[in-house]
């Protein structure tokens, strides 16, 4: 039985991704930045050979399969299902374990420094812990790894707030689960995040229009 990494992706539609950042730099540059970040995460978490781990790609919205194939190529694209992020993640874990995975991690695609090293560290930590979390600076998490399906862990969590991580840790304690936390990383959702991660983002933004939009936004002081 192999380990698995679930990658959550959205179709990079202007106005539908990076909405907070889009209010500052515009929907087109925000969508372009999301594409670049997602591509960097996919590259950075590329497994080393068949014995490392397999990746499962869950996408949203459900009508975006053709867009995802045109963007990232032919993969085993799986639609995300559920009314909120918690039910979508719980369902994705269930599917990965149903397919025979031994240990499973899940990541999003808006953290610049996320790499295979973090994934391997999280999966290996499941030999001694039941839950592994990668804390994000905004109060959420960039990675979650589980030793088996645990749908109760996703209940009563205030999704899309800065309380996601502490609420998840509290939920894990209430369920009697052992938890390990990885190093903190910064995600990119706001102009302040862009400024903090500027050097890495500027190198990532090879598209001249995207780089120009980011240059202007960072230099504006707004």
C-alpha atoms as a PDB file:
ATOM      1  CA  UNK A   1       0.000   0.000   0.000  1.00  0.00           C
ATOM      2  CA  UNK A   2       1.428   3.362  -1.068  1.00  0.00           C
ATOM      3  CA  UNK A   3       1.176   6.757   0.559  1.00  0.00           C
ATOM      4  CA  UNK A   4      -0.903   9.408  -1.200  1.00  0.00           C
ATOM      5  CA  UNK A   5      -0.866  13.171  -1.531  1.00  0.00           C
ATOM      6  CA  UNK A   6      -4.169  14.865  -2.300  1.00  0.00           C
ATOM      7  CA  UNK A   7      -3.783  18.135  -4.212  1.00  0.00           C
ATOM      8  CA  UNK A   8      -6.761  20.500  -4.098  1.00  0.00           C
ATOM      9  CA  UNK A   9      -6.981  22.755  -7.164  1.00  0.00           C
ATOM     10  CA  UNK A  10      -9.444  25.277  -8.538  1.00  0.00           C
ATOM     11  CA  UNK A  11      -9.947  26.229 -12.157  1.00  0.00           C
ATOM     12  CA  UNK A  12      -7.987  29.503 -12.505  1.00  0.00           C
ATOM     13  CA  UNK A  13     -10.996  31.575 -13.531  1.00  0.00           C
ATOM     14  CA  UNK A  14     -10.646  35.348 -13.064  1.00  0.00           C
ATOM     15  CA  UNK A  15     -12.912  36.456 -10.261  1.00  0.00           C
ATOM     16  CA  UNK A  16     -13.246  32.930  -8.848  1.00  0.00           C
ATOM     17  CA  UNK A  17      -9.770  32.532  -7.315  1.00  0.00           C
ATOM     18  CA  UNK A  18      -7.776  34.790  -4.976  1.00  0.00           C
ATOM     19  CA  UNK A  19     -10.785  37.061  -4.472  1.00  0.00           C
ATOM     20  CA  UNK A  20      -9.209  39.141  -1.703  1.00  0.00           C
ATOM     21  CA  UNK A  21      -6.097  39.767  -3.747  1.00  0.00           C
ATOM     22  CA  UNK A  22      -8.199  40.451  -6.847  1.00  0.00           C
ATOM     23  CA  UNK A  23      -9.766  43.434  -5.105  1.00  0.00           C
ATOM     24  CA  UNK A  24      -6.283  44.998  -4.996  1.00  0.00           C
ATOM     25  CA  UNK A  25      -4.518  43.905  -8.174  1.00  0.00           C
ATOM     26  CA  UNK A  26      -7.493  42.942 -10.351  1.00  0.00           C
ATOM     27  CA  UNK A  27      -9.071  39.567 -11.184  1.00  0.00           C
ATOM     28  CA  UNK A  28      -6.885  38.783 -14.203  1.00  0.00           C
ATOM     29  CA  UNK A  29      -3.514  39.202 -12.423  1.00  0.00           C
ATOM     30  CA  UNK A  30      -4.882  37.422  -9.340  1.00  0.00           C
ATOM     31  CA  UNK A  31      -5.905  34.442 -11.465  1.00  0.00           C
ATOM     32  CA  UNK A  32      -2.532  34.459 -13.218  1.00  0.00           C
ATOM     33  CA  UNK A  33      -0.773  34.474  -9.849  1.00  0.00           C
ATOM     34  CA  UNK A  34      -2.911  31.562  -8.682  1.00  0.00           C
ATOM     35  CA  UNK A  35      -1.899  29.613 -11.791  1.00  0.00           C
ATOM     36  CA  UNK A  36       1.785  30.289 -11.114  1.00  0.00           C
ATOM     37  CA  UNK A  37       1.510  29.327  -7.440  1.00  0.00           C
ATOM     38  CA  UNK A  38      -0.389  26.137  -8.229  1.00  0.00           C
ATOM     39  CA  UNK A  39       2.131  25.124 -10.874  1.00  0.00           C
ATOM     40  CA  UNK A  40       4.954  25.756  -8.394  1.00  0.00           C
ATOM     41  CA  UNK A  41       3.292  23.559  -5.758  1.00  0.00           C
ATOM     42  CA  UNK A  42       2.742  20.752  -8.267  1.00  0.00           C
ATOM     43  CA  UNK A  43       6.394  20.963  -9.351  1.00  0.00           C
ATOM     44  CA  UNK A  44       7.635  21.205  -5.767  1.00  0.00           C
ATOM     45  CA  UNK A  45       5.706  18.166  -4.564  1.00  0.00           C
ATOM     46  CA  UNK A  46       6.644  15.949  -7.498  1.00  0.00           C
ATOM     47  CA  UNK A  47       7.354  12.500  -5.988  1.00  0.00           C
ATOM     48  CA  UNK A  48      10.673  10.785  -6.547  1.00  0.00           C
ATOM     49  CA  UNK A  49       9.691   7.552  -8.233  1.00  0.00           C
ATOM     50  CA  UNK A  50       6.869   5.089  -7.771  1.00  0.00           C
ATOM     51  CA  UNK A  51       7.911   4.157  -4.231  1.00  0.00           C
ATOM     52  CA  UNK A  52       7.584   7.722  -2.904  1.00  0.00           C
ATOM     53  CA  UNK A  53       3.860   8.558  -2.972  1.00  0.00           C
ATOM     54  CA  UNK A  54       1.133   8.958  -5.533  1.00  0.00           C
ATOM     55  CA  UNK A  55      -0.796  12.168  -6.121  1.00  0.00           C
ATOM     56  CA  UNK A  56      -4.554  12.482  -6.444  1.00  0.00           C
ATOM     57  CA  UNK A  57      -5.880  15.669  -8.032  1.00  0.00           C
ATOM     58  CA  UNK A  58      -9.233  16.970  -6.768  1.00  0.00           C
ATOM     59  CA  UNK A  59     -10.634  19.931  -8.681  1.00  0.00           C
ATOM     60  CA  UNK A  60     -13.395  22.519  -8.398  1.00  0.00           C
ATOM     61  CA  UNK A  61     -15.842  23.519  -9.696  1.00  0.00           C
ATOM     62  CA  UNK A  62     -17.314  20.266 -10.971  1.00  0.00           C
ATOM     63  CA  UNK A  63     -17.746  21.548 -14.543  1.00  0.00           C
ATOM     64  CA  UNK A  64     -14.049  22.427 -14.925  1.00  0.00           C
ATOM     65  CA  UNK A  65     -12.584  19.063 -15.947  1.00  0.00           C
ATOM     66  CA  UNK A  66     -11.755  20.227 -19.492  1.00  0.00           C
ATOM     67  CA  UNK A  67     -10.109  23.391 -18.147  1.00  0.00           C
ATOM     68  CA  UNK A  68      -8.001  21.355 -15.732  1.00  0.00           C
ATOM     69  CA  UNK A  69      -6.879  18.987 -18.482  1.00  0.00           C
ATOM     70  CA  UNK A  70      -5.984  21.881 -20.767  1.00  0.00           C
ATOM     71  CA  UNK A  71      -4.051  23.519 -17.926  1.00  0.00           C
ATOM     72  CA  UNK A  72      -2.236  20.610 -16.279  1.00  0.00           C
ATOM     73  CA  UNK A  73      -2.690  17.780 -18.739  1.00  0.00           C
ATOM     74  CA  UNK A  74      -4.278  14.360 -18.566  1.00  0.00           C
ATOM     75  CA  UNK A  75      -4.419  13.181 -14.966  1.00  0.00           C
ATOM     76  CA  UNK A  76      -6.839  11.244 -12.822  1.00  0.00           C
ATOM     77  CA  UNK A  77      -8.988  14.320 -12.177  1.00  0.00           C
ATOM     78  CA  UNK A  78     -11.493  13.864  -9.337  1.00  0.00           C
ATOM     79  CA  UNK A  79     -14.202  16.465  -8.636  1.00  0.00           C
ATOM     80  CA  UNK A  80     -14.394  17.896  -5.129  1.00  0.00           C
ATOM     81  CA  UNK A  81     -17.728  17.112  -3.500  1.00  0.00           C
ATOM     82  CA  UNK A  82     -19.329  18.732  -0.476  1.00  0.00           C
ATOM     83  CA  UNK A  83     -21.054  21.856   0.765  1.00  0.00           C
ATOM     84  CA  UNK A  84     -17.979  23.349   2.449  1.00  0.00           C
ATOM     85  CA  UNK A  85     -14.229  22.884   2.596  1.00  0.00           C
ATOM     86  CA  UNK A  86     -14.466  20.465   5.516  1.00  0.00           C
ATOM     87  CA  UNK A  87     -16.824  18.058   3.807  1.00  0.00           C
ATOM     88  CA  UNK A  88     -14.786  18.279   0.591  1.00  0.00           C
ATOM     89  CA  UNK A  89     -11.567  17.412   2.416  1.00  0.00           C
ATOM     90  CA  UNK A  90     -13.192  14.635   4.432  1.00  0.00           C
ATOM     91  CA  UNK A  91     -14.549  13.158   1.209  1.00  0.00           C
ATOM     92  CA  UNK A  92     -11.162  13.367  -0.479  1.00  0.00           C
ATOM     93  CA  UNK A  93      -9.488  11.537   2.418  1.00  0.00           C
ATOM     94  CA  UNK A  94     -12.181   8.873   2.274  1.00  0.00           C
ATOM     95  CA  UNK A  95     -11.556   8.394  -1.447  1.00  0.00           C
ATOM     96  CA  UNK A  96      -7.775   8.175  -1.048  1.00  0.00           C
ATOM     97  CA  UNK A  97      -8.024   5.549   1.683  1.00  0.00           C
ATOM     98  CA  UNK A  98     -10.712   3.705  -0.286  1.00  0.00           C
ATOM     99  CA  UNK A  99      -8.198   3.426  -3.128  1.00  0.00           C
ATOM    100  CA  UNK A 100      -5.804   1.654  -0.775  1.00  0.00           C
ATOM    101  CA  UNK A 101      -3.526   4.429   0.470  1.00  0.00           C
ATOM    102  CA  UNK A 102      -1.610   3.644   3.642  1.00  0.00           C
ATOM    103  CA  UNK A 103      -1.100   7.234   4.818  1.00  0.00           C
ATOM    104  CA  UNK A 104      -2.584  10.376   3.242  1.00  0.00           C
ATOM    105  CA  UNK A 105      -1.726  14.087   3.192  1.00  0.00           C
ATOM    106  CA  UNK A 106      -3.651  16.940   1.592  1.00  0.00           C
ATOM    107  CA  UNK A 107      -2.356  20.308   0.381  1.00  0.00           C
ATOM    108  CA  UNK A 108      -3.738  23.393  -1.271  1.00  0.00           C
ATOM    109  CA  UNK A 109      -1.921  25.413  -3.903  1.00  0.00           C
ATOM    110  CA  UNK A 110      -1.222  28.885  -2.536  1.00  0.00           C
ATOM    111  CA  UNK A 111       1.906  28.361  -0.395  1.00  0.00           C
ATOM    112  CA  UNK A 112       5.105  29.338  -2.171  1.00  0.00           C
ATOM    113  CA  UNK A 113       7.541  27.254  -0.113  1.00  0.00           C
ATOM    114  CA  UNK A 114       5.616  23.978  -0.045  1.00  0.00           C
ATOM    115  CA  UNK A 115       7.767  21.062  -1.209  1.00  0.00           C
ATOM    116  CA  UNK A 116       8.127  17.304  -1.324  1.00  0.00           C
ATOM    117  CA  UNK A 117      10.185  17.531   1.875  1.00  0.00           C
ATOM    118  CA  UNK A 118       7.156  18.773   3.815  1.00  0.00           C
ATOM    119  CA  UNK A 119       4.989  16.010   2.385  1.00  0.00           C
ATOM    120  CA  UNK A 120       7.484  13.261   3.189  1.00  0.00           C
ATOM    121  CA  UNK A 121       8.020  14.647   6.705  1.00  0.00           C
ATOM    122  CA  UNK A 122       4.272  14.711   7.338  1.00  0.00           C
ATOM    123  CA  UNK A 123       3.650  11.211   6.027  1.00  0.00           C
ATOM    124  CA  UNK A 124       6.555   9.741   7.986  1.00  0.00           C
ATOM    125  CA  UNK A 125       5.301  11.470  11.156  1.00  0.00           C
ATOM    126  CA  UNK A 126       2.092   9.441  10.932  1.00  0.00           C
ATOM    127  CA  UNK A 127       4.054   6.452  12.214  1.00  0.00           C
ATOM    128  CA  UNK A 128       4.043   8.155  15.627  1.00  0.00           C
ATOM    129  CA  UNK A 129       1.063  10.552  15.394  1.00  0.00           C
ATOM    130  CA  UNK A 130      -2.496  10.361  14.127  1.00  0.00           C
ATOM    131  CA  UNK A 131      -2.668  13.885  12.727  1.00  0.00           C
ATOM    132  CA  UNK A 132      -0.007  16.159  11.209  1.00  0.00           C
ATOM    133  CA  UNK A 133      -0.656  19.847  10.486  1.00  0.00           C
ATOM    134  CA  UNK A 134       1.391  22.406   8.575  1.00  0.00           C
ATOM    135  CA  UNK A 135       0.461  25.796  10.072  1.00  0.00           C
ATOM    136  CA  UNK A 136      -0.055  28.772   7.763  1.00  0.00           C
ATOM    137  CA  UNK A 137       0.629  32.325   8.927  1.00  0.00           C
ATOM    138  CA  UNK A 138      -2.982  33.368   8.352  1.00  0.00           C
ATOM    139  CA  UNK A 139      -4.320  31.022  11.032  1.00  0.00           C
ATOM    140  CA  UNK A 140      -5.139  28.133   8.722  1.00  0.00           C
ATOM    141  CA  UNK A 141      -3.018  25.243   7.560  1.00  0.00           C
ATOM    142  CA  UNK A 142      -1.268  24.407   4.304  1.00  0.00           C
ATOM    143  CA  UNK A 143      -1.049  20.655   4.904  1.00  0.00           C
ATOM    144  CA  UNK A 144      -2.997  18.044   6.818  1.00  0.00           C
ATOM    145  CA  UNK A 145      -1.986  14.400   7.052  1.00  0.00           C
ATOM    146  CA  UNK A 146      -4.025  11.563   8.548  1.00  0.00           C
ATOM    147  CA  UNK A 147      -3.370   7.930   9.398  1.00  0.00           C
ATOM    148  CA  UNK A 148      -6.957   6.956   8.481  1.00  0.00           C
ATOM    149  CA  UNK A 149     -10.276   8.632   7.588  1.00  0.00           C
ATOM    150  CA  UNK A 150     -11.325  10.942  10.436  1.00  0.00           C
ATOM    151  CA  UNK A 151     -14.466  12.829   9.337  1.00  0.00           C
ATOM    152  CA  UNK A 152     -15.165  14.081  12.871  1.00  0.00           C
ATOM    153  CA  UNK A 153     -11.991  16.178  12.710  1.00  0.00           C
ATOM    154  CA  UNK A 154     -13.650  18.454  10.137  1.00  0.00           C
ATOM    155  CA  UNK A 155     -16.789  19.155  12.159  1.00  0.00           C
ATOM    156  CA  UNK A 156     -17.517  22.559  13.787  1.00  0.00           C
ATOM    157  CA  UNK A 157     -14.548  24.319  12.134  1.00  0.00           C
ATOM    158  CA  UNK A 158     -14.989  28.012  11.145  1.00  0.00           C
ATOM    159  CA  UNK A 159     -13.682  27.655   7.591  1.00  0.00           C
ATOM    160  CA  UNK A 160     -12.154  30.679   5.810  1.00  0.00           C
ATOM    161  CA  UNK A 161     -11.255  32.401   9.079  1.00  0.00           C
ATOM    162  CA  UNK A 162      -8.024  32.859  11.041  1.00  0.00           C
ATOM    163  CA  UNK A 163      -9.346  30.371  13.609  1.00  0.00           C
ATOM    164  CA  UNK A 164      -9.143  27.276  11.397  1.00  0.00           C
ATOM    165  CA  UNK A 165      -5.862  26.010  12.844  1.00  0.00           C
ATOM    166  CA  UNK A 166      -6.643  26.556  16.554  1.00  0.00           C
ATOM    167  CA  UNK A 167     -10.136  25.138  16.076  1.00  0.00           C
ATOM    168  CA  UNK A 168      -8.706  22.061  14.348  1.00  0.00           C
ATOM    169  CA  UNK A 169      -6.144  21.559  17.105  1.00  0.00           C
ATOM    170  CA  UNK A 170      -8.896  21.875  19.714  1.00  0.00           C
ATOM    171  CA  UNK A 171     -11.048  19.411  17.780  1.00  0.00           C
ATOM    172  CA  UNK A 172      -8.167  16.925  17.614  1.00  0.00           C
ATOM    173  CA  UNK A 173      -7.634  17.217  21.369  1.00  0.00           C
ATOM    174  CA  UNK A 174     -11.342  16.667  21.992  1.00  0.00           C
ATOM    175  CA  UNK A 175     -11.178  13.513  19.884  1.00  0.00           C
ATOM    176  CA  UNK A 176      -8.111  12.265  21.775  1.00  0.00           C
ATOM    177  CA  UNK A 177      -5.864  12.384  18.706  1.00  0.00           C
ATOM    178  CA  UNK A 178      -2.102  12.867  18.818  1.00  0.00           C
ATOM    179  CA  UNK A 179      -0.881  15.782  16.687  1.00  0.00           C
ATOM    180  CA  UNK A 180       2.422  16.939  15.277  1.00  0.00           C
ATOM    181  CA  UNK A 181       2.878  20.395  13.712  1.00  0.00           C
ATOM    182  CA  UNK A 182       5.370  21.194  10.969  1.00  0.00           C
ATOM    183  CA  UNK A 183       7.135  24.494  10.338  1.00  0.00           C
ATOM    184  CA  UNK A 184       4.970  27.523   9.639  1.00  0.00           C
ATOM    185  CA  UNK A 185       4.725  28.747   6.050  1.00  0.00           C
ATOM    186  CA  UNK A 186       3.050  31.760   4.495  1.00  0.00           C
ATOM    187  CA  UNK A 187       0.216  31.516   1.995  1.00  0.00           C
ATOM    188  CA  UNK A 188      -0.629  34.253  -0.496  1.00  0.00           C
ATOM    189  CA  UNK A 189      -4.131  35.685  -0.183  1.00  0.00           C
ATOM    190  CA  UNK A 190      -3.655  39.438   0.271  1.00  0.00           C
ATOM    191  CA  UNK A 191      -1.402  42.274  -0.851  1.00  0.00           C
ATOM    192  CA  UNK A 192       0.361  42.078   2.517  1.00  0.00           C
ATOM    193  CA  UNK A 193       1.144  38.426   1.750  1.00  0.00           C
ATOM    194  CA  UNK A 194       2.508  39.417  -1.678  1.00  0.00           C
ATOM    195  CA  UNK A 195       4.794  41.976  -0.050  1.00  0.00           C
ATOM    196  CA  UNK A 196       6.020  39.455   2.517  1.00  0.00           C
ATOM    197  CA  UNK A 197       6.737  36.802  -0.121  1.00  0.00           C
ATOM    198  CA  UNK A 198       7.852  39.320  -2.734  1.00  0.00           C
ATOM    199  CA  UNK A 199      11.228  37.922  -3.726  1.00  0.00           C
ATOM    200  CA  UNK A 200       9.935  34.426  -4.377  1.00  0.00           C
ATOM    201  CA  UNK A 201       6.781  35.650  -6.107  1.00  0.00           C
ATOM    202  CA  UNK A 202       8.615  38.022  -8.414  1.00  0.00           C
ATOM    203  CA  UNK A 203      10.871  35.197  -9.555  1.00  0.00           C
ATOM    204  CA  UNK A 204       7.816  33.015 -10.054  1.00  0.00           C
ATOM    205  CA  UNK A 205       5.924  35.614 -12.114  1.00  0.00           C
ATOM    206  CA  UNK A 206       7.585  35.038 -15.472  1.00  0.00           C
ATOM    207  CA  UNK A 207       4.611  36.520 -17.347  1.00  0.00           C
ATOM    208  CA  UNK A 208       5.463  40.212 -17.978  1.00  0.00           C
ATOM    209  CA  UNK A 209       1.896  41.396 -17.383  1.00  0.00           C
ATOM    210  CA  UNK A 210       1.661  39.567 -14.077  1.00  0.00           C
ATOM    211  CA  UNK A 211       5.041  40.840 -12.952  1.00  0.00           C
ATOM    212  CA  UNK A 212       4.081  44.384 -13.909  1.00  0.00           C
ATOM    213  CA  UNK A 213       0.818  44.147 -11.959  1.00  0.00           C
ATOM    214  CA  UNK A 214       2.633  42.858  -8.898  1.00  0.00           C
ATOM    215  CA  UNK A 215       5.345  45.509  -9.210  1.00  0.00           C
ATOM    216  CA  UNK A 216       2.727  48.242  -9.358  1.00  0.00           C
ATOM    217  CA  UNK A 217       0.740  46.840  -6.432  1.00  0.00           C
ATOM    218  CA  UNK A 218       3.768  46.393  -4.198  1.00  0.00           C
ATOM    219  CA  UNK A 219       5.097  49.823  -5.093  1.00  0.00           C
ATOM    220  CA  UNK A 220       1.787  51.591  -4.595  1.00  0.00           C
ATOM    221  CA  UNK A 221       1.823  51.397  -0.804  1.00  0.00           C
ATOM    222  CA  UNK A 222      -1.937  50.797  -0.892  1.00  0.00           C
END
